[in-house]
Amino acid sequence: MNASRRLALVFLVLAVLAPAHGLTPIDLARLKQTSDRINQLYQPRTGTPPPVNPRHNPFRIGAEPVPVDTRGQEDPGLVVTDDETLLRQAAATLKISGVMELNGTLRLSINTANYGVGDVLQVRLGSGNVFLRVAAIAPRSVTLRLNAAELVLPF
């Protein structure tokens, strides 16, 4: 008889002689405790969850102003934003695709439209529009102007 048949015979004998009642009995008290805990955790909740903080919204653009909850306040007042901040917020929404040269002048592709030096871009911020002027175009940057504020954007 070869070694593999002897090994198979030993396993067969052990399987026949092993007691069938070797399984662990179920602890009914522990099962009841677990069932009660599951029911406690998953019962329907009657209270409303707290409102979501808008600063933790993953879809908010980083430079976009955060809405302020003014419920319960008398008069929140007018929020005044300077030109530099508006320019930075508007520039953060632009998608600059590249620079091209047409008839010796540089043109810039922004948000699928072409702009040259002196052209005006209309950018939507919140519920209003901001108008930016293209002050200068270089091969690796663009200068945008809003009133007296200027911003150089490298790309």
N, C-alpha and C. Protein backbone atom coordinates (compact mmCIF):
# COMPACT_ATOMS: atom_id res chain seq x y z
N MET A 1 0.85 -1.15 0.00
CA MET A 1 0.00 0.00 0.00
C MET A 1 0.91 1.24 0.00
N ASN A 2 0.62 2.20 -0.89
CA ASN A 2 1.49 3.37 -0.97
C ASN A 2 1.12 4.39 0.12
N ALA A 3 1.92 5.45 0.25
CA ALA A 3 1.79 6.42 1.34
C ALA A 3 0.51 7.23 1.24
N SER A 4 0.08 7.57 0.05
CA SER A 4 -1.12 8.39 -0.09
C SER A 4 -2.37 7.60 0.31
N ARG A 5 -2.38 6.28 0.04
CA ARG A 5 -3.53 5.46 0.46
C ARG A 5 -3.55 5.28 1.96
N ARG A 6 -2.39 5.15 2.57
CA ARG A 6 -2.33 5.02 4.02
C ARG A 6 -2.83 6.31 4.70
N LEU A 7 -2.43 7.43 4.16
CA LEU A 7 -2.86 8.72 4.71
C LEU A 7 -4.37 8.89 4.56
N ALA A 8 -4.92 8.51 3.44
CA ALA A 8 -6.36 8.60 3.23
C ALA A 8 -7.10 7.68 4.20
N LEU A 9 -6.56 6.48 4.47
CA LEU A 9 -7.18 5.54 5.40
C LEU A 9 -7.15 6.10 6.82
N VAL A 10 -6.06 6.77 7.21
CA VAL A 10 -5.96 7.35 8.55
C VAL A 10 -6.99 8.46 8.71
N PHE A 11 -7.15 9.30 7.71
CA PHE A 11 -8.16 10.36 7.79
C PHE A 11 -9.57 9.80 7.84
N LEU A 12 -9.82 8.72 7.13
CA LEU A 12 -11.14 8.09 7.14
C LEU A 12 -11.45 7.54 8.52
N VAL A 13 -10.49 6.88 9.15
CA VAL A 13 -10.69 6.33 10.49
C VAL A 13 -10.93 7.45 11.50
N LEU A 14 -10.15 8.53 11.41
CA LEU A 14 -10.34 9.66 12.32
C LEU A 14 -11.70 10.32 12.13
N ALA A 15 -12.16 10.41 10.90
CA ALA A 15 -13.47 11.01 10.65
C ALA A 15 -14.59 10.16 11.21
N VAL A 16 -14.47 8.85 11.16
CA VAL A 16 -15.51 7.96 11.68
C VAL A 16 -15.50 7.98 13.20
N LEU A 17 -14.32 8.01 13.81
CA LEU A 17 -14.23 7.95 15.26
C LEU A 17 -14.48 9.30 15.95
N ALA A 18 -14.40 10.41 15.22
CA ALA A 18 -14.61 11.73 15.82
C ALA A 18 -16.07 11.89 16.21
N PRO A 19 -16.35 12.45 17.36
CA PRO A 19 -17.74 12.60 17.80
C PRO A 19 -18.47 13.64 16.96
N ALA A 20 -19.72 13.36 16.68
CA ALA A 20 -20.53 14.27 15.87
C ALA A 20 -21.02 15.44 16.70
N HIS A 21 -20.99 15.32 18.02
CA HIS A 21 -21.49 16.39 18.87
C HIS A 21 -20.39 17.39 19.23
N GLY A 22 -19.33 17.48 18.47
CA GLY A 22 -18.20 18.36 18.75
C GLY A 22 -18.49 19.82 18.40
N LEU A 23 -19.67 20.15 17.90
CA LEU A 23 -20.01 21.52 17.56
C LEU A 23 -20.26 22.33 18.82
N THR A 24 -19.96 23.62 18.78
CA THR A 24 -20.16 24.51 19.91
C THR A 24 -21.65 24.82 20.05
N PRO A 25 -22.20 24.67 21.24
CA PRO A 25 -23.62 24.98 21.41
C PRO A 25 -23.85 26.49 21.34
N ILE A 26 -25.05 26.87 20.93
CA ILE A 26 -25.40 28.28 20.81
C ILE A 26 -25.75 28.81 22.20
N ASP A 27 -25.17 29.95 22.53
CA ASP A 27 -25.45 30.61 23.80
C ASP A 27 -26.70 31.47 23.60
N LEU A 28 -27.85 31.02 24.08
CA LEU A 28 -29.11 31.70 23.83
C LEU A 28 -29.16 33.06 24.52
N ALA A 29 -28.54 33.20 25.67
CA ALA A 29 -28.54 34.50 26.34
C ALA A 29 -27.76 35.54 25.54
N ARG A 30 -26.63 35.13 24.99
CA ARG A 30 -25.82 36.05 24.17
C ARG A 30 -26.55 36.39 22.88
N LEU A 31 -27.24 35.42 22.29
CA LEU A 31 -28.02 35.66 21.09
C LEU A 31 -29.13 36.66 21.37
N LYS A 32 -29.83 36.55 22.48
CA LYS A 32 -30.89 37.48 22.86
C LYS A 32 -30.32 38.87 23.10
N GLN A 33 -29.15 38.96 23.75
CA GLN A 33 -28.51 40.24 24.02
C GLN A 33 -28.14 40.94 22.70
N THR A 34 -27.61 40.20 21.75
CA THR A 34 -27.23 40.76 20.45
C THR A 34 -28.46 41.23 19.69
N SER A 35 -29.52 40.43 19.71
CA SER A 35 -30.75 40.79 19.02
C SER A 35 -31.35 42.06 19.61
N ASP A 36 -31.35 42.19 20.93
CA ASP A 36 -31.87 43.40 21.57
C ASP A 36 -31.05 44.63 21.20
N ARG A 37 -29.75 44.49 21.14
CA ARG A 37 -28.88 45.62 20.77
C ARG A 37 -29.12 46.05 19.33
N ILE A 38 -29.29 45.10 18.43
CA ILE A 38 -29.57 45.42 17.02
C ILE A 38 -30.89 46.17 16.92
N ASN A 39 -31.91 45.70 17.62
CA ASN A 39 -33.21 46.38 17.59
C ASN A 39 -33.11 47.79 18.17
N GLN A 40 -32.32 47.96 19.21
CA GLN A 40 -32.15 49.27 19.82
C GLN A 40 -31.48 50.24 18.84
N LEU A 41 -30.49 49.78 18.08
CA LEU A 41 -29.76 50.66 17.17
C LEU A 41 -30.54 51.01 15.92
N TYR A 42 -31.37 50.11 15.44
CA TYR A 42 -32.04 50.31 14.16
C TYR A 42 -33.51 50.67 14.28
N GLN A 43 -33.98 51.07 15.43
CA GLN A 43 -35.36 51.52 15.56
C GLN A 43 -35.50 52.82 14.79
N PRO A 44 -36.70 53.10 14.25
CA PRO A 44 -36.88 54.38 13.54
C PRO A 44 -36.64 55.56 14.47
N ARG A 45 -35.95 56.54 13.96
CA ARG A 45 -35.63 57.71 14.77
C ARG A 45 -36.69 58.78 14.55
N THR A 46 -37.09 59.43 15.63
CA THR A 46 -38.13 60.44 15.54
C THR A 46 -37.57 61.84 15.40
N GLY A 47 -36.37 62.10 15.88
CA GLY A 47 -35.77 63.43 15.80
C GLY A 47 -35.16 63.69 14.44
N THR A 48 -35.02 64.98 14.09
CA THR A 48 -34.37 65.34 12.83
C THR A 48 -32.88 65.49 13.06
N PRO A 49 -32.07 65.14 12.07
CA PRO A 49 -30.62 65.30 12.23
C PRO A 49 -30.25 66.78 12.23
N PRO A 50 -29.10 67.13 12.79
CA PRO A 50 -28.68 68.54 12.79
C PRO A 50 -28.40 69.01 11.36
N PRO A 51 -28.54 70.31 11.09
CA PRO A 51 -28.28 70.81 9.73
C PRO A 51 -26.82 70.62 9.35
N VAL A 52 -26.59 70.42 8.06
CA VAL A 52 -25.25 70.18 7.54
C VAL A 52 -24.48 71.50 7.50
N ASN A 53 -23.24 71.48 7.95
CA ASN A 53 -22.39 72.66 7.91
C ASN A 53 -21.94 72.88 6.46
N PRO A 54 -22.20 74.05 5.86
CA PRO A 54 -21.82 74.26 4.45
C PRO A 54 -20.31 74.24 4.24
N ARG A 55 -19.51 74.43 5.28
CA ARG A 55 -18.06 74.39 5.12
C ARG A 55 -17.57 72.97 4.86
N HIS A 56 -18.38 71.96 5.20
CA HIS A 56 -17.99 70.57 4.98
C HIS A 56 -18.59 69.99 3.70
N ASN A 57 -19.14 70.83 2.84
CA ASN A 57 -19.72 70.39 1.58
C ASN A 57 -18.59 70.07 0.61
N PRO A 58 -18.49 68.81 0.13
CA PRO A 58 -17.38 68.46 -0.77
C PRO A 58 -17.50 69.09 -2.16
N PHE A 59 -18.67 69.66 -2.51
CA PHE A 59 -18.88 70.23 -3.83
C PHE A 59 -18.67 71.74 -3.86
N ARG A 60 -18.29 72.34 -2.74
CA ARG A 60 -18.07 73.78 -2.67
C ARG A 60 -16.70 74.10 -3.21
N ILE A 61 -16.63 75.12 -4.05
CA ILE A 61 -15.35 75.58 -4.58
C ILE A 61 -14.66 76.35 -3.46
N GLY A 62 -13.36 76.15 -3.29
CA GLY A 62 -12.63 76.71 -2.17
C GLY A 62 -12.72 78.22 -2.05
N ALA A 63 -12.76 78.95 -3.14
CA ALA A 63 -12.77 80.40 -3.06
C ALA A 63 -14.19 80.97 -3.00
N GLU A 64 -15.18 80.12 -3.12
CA GLU A 64 -16.56 80.59 -3.10
C GLU A 64 -16.97 80.98 -1.68
N PRO A 65 -17.66 82.10 -1.51
CA PRO A 65 -18.06 82.48 -0.16
C PRO A 65 -19.05 81.50 0.43
N VAL A 66 -18.96 81.27 1.73
CA VAL A 66 -19.84 80.34 2.42
C VAL A 66 -21.12 81.07 2.79
N PRO A 67 -22.30 80.49 2.49
CA PRO A 67 -23.54 81.15 2.88
C PRO A 67 -23.64 81.24 4.40
N VAL A 68 -24.20 82.34 4.86
CA VAL A 68 -24.35 82.56 6.29
C VAL A 68 -25.81 82.40 6.66
N ASP A 69 -26.08 81.62 7.70
CA ASP A 69 -27.44 81.42 8.16
C ASP A 69 -27.82 82.61 9.03
N THR A 70 -28.75 83.44 8.54
CA THR A 70 -29.13 84.64 9.26
C THR A 70 -30.51 84.51 9.89
N ARG A 71 -31.05 83.31 9.97
CA ARG A 71 -32.35 83.14 10.59
C ARG A 71 -32.23 83.49 12.07
N GLY A 72 -33.20 84.27 12.56
CA GLY A 72 -33.20 84.65 13.96
C GLY A 72 -32.42 85.91 14.24
N GLN A 73 -31.69 86.43 13.28
CA GLN A 73 -30.97 87.68 13.46
C GLN A 73 -31.80 88.82 12.89
N GLU A 74 -31.62 90.01 13.43
CA GLU A 74 -32.44 91.12 12.99
C GLU A 74 -32.05 91.61 11.60
N ASP A 75 -30.83 92.11 11.44
CA ASP A 75 -30.38 92.62 10.15
C ASP A 75 -28.93 92.22 9.95
N PRO A 76 -28.66 91.26 9.03
CA PRO A 76 -27.28 90.82 8.86
C PRO A 76 -26.39 91.90 8.26
N GLY A 77 -26.99 92.90 7.63
CA GLY A 77 -26.19 93.96 7.03
C GLY A 77 -25.70 93.56 5.65
N LEU A 78 -25.14 94.50 4.97
CA LEU A 78 -24.63 94.27 3.63
C LEU A 78 -23.19 93.78 3.71
N VAL A 79 -22.91 92.67 3.05
CA VAL A 79 -21.54 92.14 3.03
C VAL A 79 -20.79 92.85 1.92
N VAL A 80 -19.77 93.61 2.28
CA VAL A 80 -18.98 94.36 1.31
C VAL A 80 -17.73 93.56 1.00
N THR A 81 -17.48 93.33 -0.28
CA THR A 81 -16.30 92.59 -0.70
C THR A 81 -15.46 93.51 -1.57
N ASP A 82 -14.18 93.58 -1.31
CA ASP A 82 -13.31 94.45 -2.09
C ASP A 82 -13.00 93.83 -3.45
N ASP A 83 -12.44 94.64 -4.34
CA ASP A 83 -12.17 94.20 -5.71
C ASP A 83 -11.17 93.06 -5.76
N GLU A 84 -10.16 93.10 -4.89
CA GLU A 84 -9.13 92.05 -4.88
C GLU A 84 -9.75 90.68 -4.58
N THR A 85 -10.64 90.64 -3.59
CA THR A 85 -11.30 89.37 -3.23
C THR A 85 -12.21 88.90 -4.35
N LEU A 86 -13.00 89.81 -4.92
CA LEU A 86 -13.87 89.43 -6.04
C LEU A 86 -13.06 88.91 -7.22
N LEU A 87 -11.93 89.55 -7.49
CA LEU A 87 -11.07 89.13 -8.60
C LEU A 87 -10.53 87.72 -8.35
N ARG A 88 -10.08 87.44 -7.14
CA ARG A 88 -9.57 86.10 -6.82
C ARG A 88 -10.67 85.05 -6.91
N GLN A 89 -11.87 85.37 -6.41
CA GLN A 89 -12.98 84.43 -6.47
C GLN A 89 -13.38 84.15 -7.91
N ALA A 90 -13.44 85.18 -8.73
CA ALA A 90 -13.82 85.00 -10.13
C ALA A 90 -12.74 84.22 -10.89
N ALA A 91 -11.47 84.51 -10.61
CA ALA A 91 -10.37 83.82 -11.30
C ALA A 91 -10.33 82.34 -10.93
N ALA A 92 -10.79 82.00 -9.73
CA ALA A 92 -10.79 80.60 -9.31
C ALA A 92 -11.79 79.76 -10.10
N THR A 93 -12.77 80.39 -10.73
CA THR A 93 -13.77 79.64 -11.49
C THR A 93 -13.40 79.48 -12.96
N LEU A 94 -12.32 80.12 -13.40
CA LEU A 94 -11.94 80.08 -14.81
C LEU A 94 -11.18 78.81 -15.15
N LYS A 95 -11.44 78.30 -16.35
CA LYS A 95 -10.68 77.15 -16.86
C LYS A 95 -9.88 77.64 -18.07
N ILE A 96 -8.59 77.81 -17.85
CA ILE A 96 -7.71 78.30 -18.92
C ILE A 96 -7.16 77.10 -19.66
N SER A 97 -7.47 77.03 -20.96
CA SER A 97 -7.06 75.87 -21.77
C SER A 97 -5.71 76.07 -22.43
N GLY A 98 -5.36 77.30 -22.78
CA GLY A 98 -4.07 77.49 -23.42
C GLY A 98 -3.99 78.82 -24.15
N VAL A 99 -2.84 79.04 -24.80
CA VAL A 99 -2.56 80.28 -25.53
C VAL A 99 -2.33 79.92 -26.99
N MET A 100 -2.84 80.78 -27.88
CA MET A 100 -2.57 80.60 -29.31
C MET A 100 -2.20 81.95 -29.91
N GLU A 101 -1.53 81.91 -31.02
CA GLU A 101 -1.12 83.15 -31.68
C GLU A 101 -1.84 83.25 -33.01
N LEU A 102 -2.60 84.34 -33.18
CA LEU A 102 -3.33 84.60 -34.42
C LEU A 102 -2.91 85.95 -34.96
N ASN A 103 -2.37 85.97 -36.18
CA ASN A 103 -1.93 87.20 -36.84
C ASN A 103 -0.96 88.00 -35.97
N GLY A 104 -0.09 87.32 -35.27
CA GLY A 104 0.94 87.97 -34.47
C GLY A 104 0.49 88.40 -33.09
N THR A 105 -0.76 88.17 -32.71
CA THR A 105 -1.23 88.53 -31.37
C THR A 105 -1.58 87.27 -30.59
N LEU A 106 -1.33 87.30 -29.30
CA LEU A 106 -1.64 86.16 -28.44
C LEU A 106 -3.12 86.18 -28.05
N ARG A 107 -3.75 85.04 -28.13
CA ARG A 107 -5.14 84.86 -27.73
C ARG A 107 -5.17 83.77 -26.67
N LEU A 108 -6.09 83.90 -25.74
CA LEU A 108 -6.19 82.99 -24.62
C LEU A 108 -7.53 82.26 -24.69
N SER A 109 -7.49 80.95 -24.47
CA SER A 109 -8.71 80.15 -24.45
C SER A 109 -9.14 79.96 -23.00
N ILE A 110 -10.27 80.60 -22.64
CA ILE A 110 -10.80 80.52 -21.28
C ILE A 110 -12.25 80.05 -21.37
N ASN A 111 -12.57 78.98 -20.66
CA ASN A 111 -13.94 78.43 -20.64
C ASN A 111 -14.49 78.25 -22.05
N THR A 112 -13.70 77.69 -22.94
CA THR A 112 -14.04 77.36 -24.34
C THR A 112 -14.29 78.58 -25.22
N ALA A 113 -13.87 79.78 -24.82
CA ALA A 113 -13.97 80.98 -25.66
C ALA A 113 -12.58 81.62 -25.76
N ASN A 114 -12.34 82.34 -26.85
CA ASN A 114 -11.04 82.98 -27.07
C ASN A 114 -11.10 84.45 -26.70
N TYR A 115 -10.07 84.92 -25.97
CA TYR A 115 -9.99 86.31 -25.53
C TYR A 115 -8.62 86.87 -25.85
N GLY A 116 -8.59 88.15 -26.17
CA GLY A 116 -7.35 88.86 -26.42
C GLY A 116 -7.17 89.95 -25.38
N VAL A 117 -6.05 90.68 -25.49
CA VAL A 117 -5.77 91.78 -24.56
C VAL A 117 -6.84 92.85 -24.75
N GLY A 118 -7.44 93.28 -23.64
CA GLY A 118 -8.49 94.30 -23.67
C GLY A 118 -9.89 93.73 -23.69
N ASP A 119 -10.04 92.44 -23.95
CA ASP A 119 -11.38 91.83 -23.96
C ASP A 119 -11.91 91.68 -22.53
N VAL A 120 -13.23 91.60 -22.40
CA VAL A 120 -13.88 91.50 -21.10
C VAL A 120 -14.52 90.13 -20.97
N LEU A 121 -14.26 89.48 -19.84
CA LEU A 121 -14.87 88.18 -19.52
C LEU A 121 -16.01 88.40 -18.54
N GLN A 122 -17.10 87.72 -18.75
CA GLN A 122 -18.20 87.77 -17.80
C GLN A 122 -18.16 86.48 -16.97
N VAL A 123 -18.01 86.62 -15.65
CA VAL A 123 -17.90 85.48 -14.74
C VAL A 123 -19.07 85.53 -13.77
N ARG A 124 -19.74 84.42 -13.63
CA ARG A 124 -20.88 84.35 -12.70
C ARG A 124 -20.37 83.95 -11.32
N LEU A 125 -20.66 84.79 -10.32
CA LEU A 125 -20.32 84.52 -8.92
C LEU A 125 -21.59 84.59 -8.11
N GLY A 126 -21.99 83.48 -7.55
CA GLY A 126 -23.22 83.45 -6.76
C GLY A 126 -24.40 83.80 -7.64
N SER A 127 -25.14 84.85 -7.28
CA SER A 127 -26.31 85.25 -8.06
C SER A 127 -26.01 86.44 -8.96
N GLY A 128 -24.76 86.92 -8.97
CA GLY A 128 -24.41 88.06 -9.80
C GLY A 128 -23.28 87.77 -10.76
N ASN A 129 -22.95 88.77 -11.57
CA ASN A 129 -21.88 88.64 -12.55
C ASN A 129 -20.75 89.59 -12.21
N VAL A 130 -19.53 89.17 -12.52
CA VAL A 130 -18.34 90.00 -12.36
C VAL A 130 -17.69 90.09 -13.73
N PHE A 131 -17.30 91.30 -14.13
CA PHE A 131 -16.70 91.50 -15.45
C PHE A 131 -15.20 91.75 -15.27
N LEU A 132 -14.39 90.86 -15.83
CA LEU A 132 -12.93 90.96 -15.74
C LEU A 132 -12.37 91.37 -17.09
N ARG A 133 -11.35 92.20 -17.06
CA ARG A 133 -10.69 92.61 -18.29
C ARG A 133 -9.34 91.90 -18.39
N VAL A 134 -9.02 91.39 -19.58
CA VAL A 134 -7.72 90.76 -19.84
C VAL A 134 -6.72 91.90 -20.06
N ALA A 135 -5.81 92.10 -19.12
CA ALA A 135 -4.85 93.20 -19.19
C ALA A 135 -3.62 92.83 -20.00
N ALA A 136 -3.15 91.59 -19.86
CA ALA A 136 -1.95 91.16 -20.59
C ALA A 136 -1.97 89.65 -20.73
N ILE A 137 -1.36 89.17 -21.81
CA ILE A 137 -1.22 87.73 -22.04
C ILE A 137 0.25 87.45 -22.32
N ALA A 138 0.82 86.53 -21.56
CA ALA A 138 2.19 86.06 -21.77
C ALA A 138 2.11 84.58 -22.13
N PRO A 139 3.20 83.99 -22.64
CA PRO A 139 3.14 82.56 -23.00
C PRO A 139 2.79 81.63 -21.84
N ARG A 140 3.08 82.01 -20.58
CA ARG A 140 2.79 81.11 -19.45
C ARG A 140 1.92 81.75 -18.37
N SER A 141 1.33 82.96 -18.64
CA SER A 141 0.49 83.60 -17.63
C SER A 141 -0.47 84.58 -18.29
N VAL A 142 -1.47 84.98 -17.53
CA VAL A 142 -2.42 86.00 -17.97
C VAL A 142 -2.63 86.97 -16.81
N THR A 143 -2.78 88.25 -17.13
CA THR A 143 -3.07 89.27 -16.12
C THR A 143 -4.51 89.71 -16.29
N LEU A 144 -5.29 89.55 -15.22
CA LEU A 144 -6.70 89.96 -15.22
C LEU A 144 -6.85 91.19 -14.35
N ARG A 145 -7.82 92.06 -14.71
CA ARG A 145 -8.02 93.30 -13.97
C ARG A 145 -9.50 93.45 -13.66
N LEU A 146 -9.78 93.89 -12.43
CA LEU A 146 -11.11 94.27 -12.00
C LEU A 146 -10.98 95.62 -11.33
N ASN A 147 -11.48 96.66 -12.01
CA ASN A 147 -11.30 98.05 -11.56
C ASN A 147 -9.81 98.31 -11.35
N ALA A 148 -9.35 98.57 -10.12
CA ALA A 148 -7.93 98.86 -9.88
C ALA A 148 -7.14 97.61 -9.48
N ALA A 149 -7.83 96.51 -9.19
CA ALA A 149 -7.15 95.29 -8.74
C ALA A 149 -6.64 94.49 -9.93
N GLU A 150 -5.43 93.96 -9.82
CA GLU A 150 -4.84 93.12 -10.87
C GLU A 150 -4.38 91.80 -10.26
N LEU A 151 -4.47 90.75 -11.08
CA LEU A 151 -4.05 89.42 -10.64
C LEU A 151 -3.38 88.72 -11.81
N VAL A 152 -2.17 88.19 -11.56
CA VAL A 152 -1.44 87.43 -12.58
C VAL A 152 -1.67 85.95 -12.30
N LEU A 153 -2.24 85.26 -13.28
CA LEU A 153 -2.50 83.83 -13.15
C LEU A 153 -1.53 83.04 -14.02
N PRO A 154 -0.65 82.27 -13.39
CA PRO A 154 0.21 81.39 -14.20
C PRO A 154 -0.58 80.15 -14.60
N PHE A 155 -0.22 79.57 -15.73
CA PHE A 155 -0.87 78.32 -16.16
C PHE A 155 0.11 77.43 -16.85
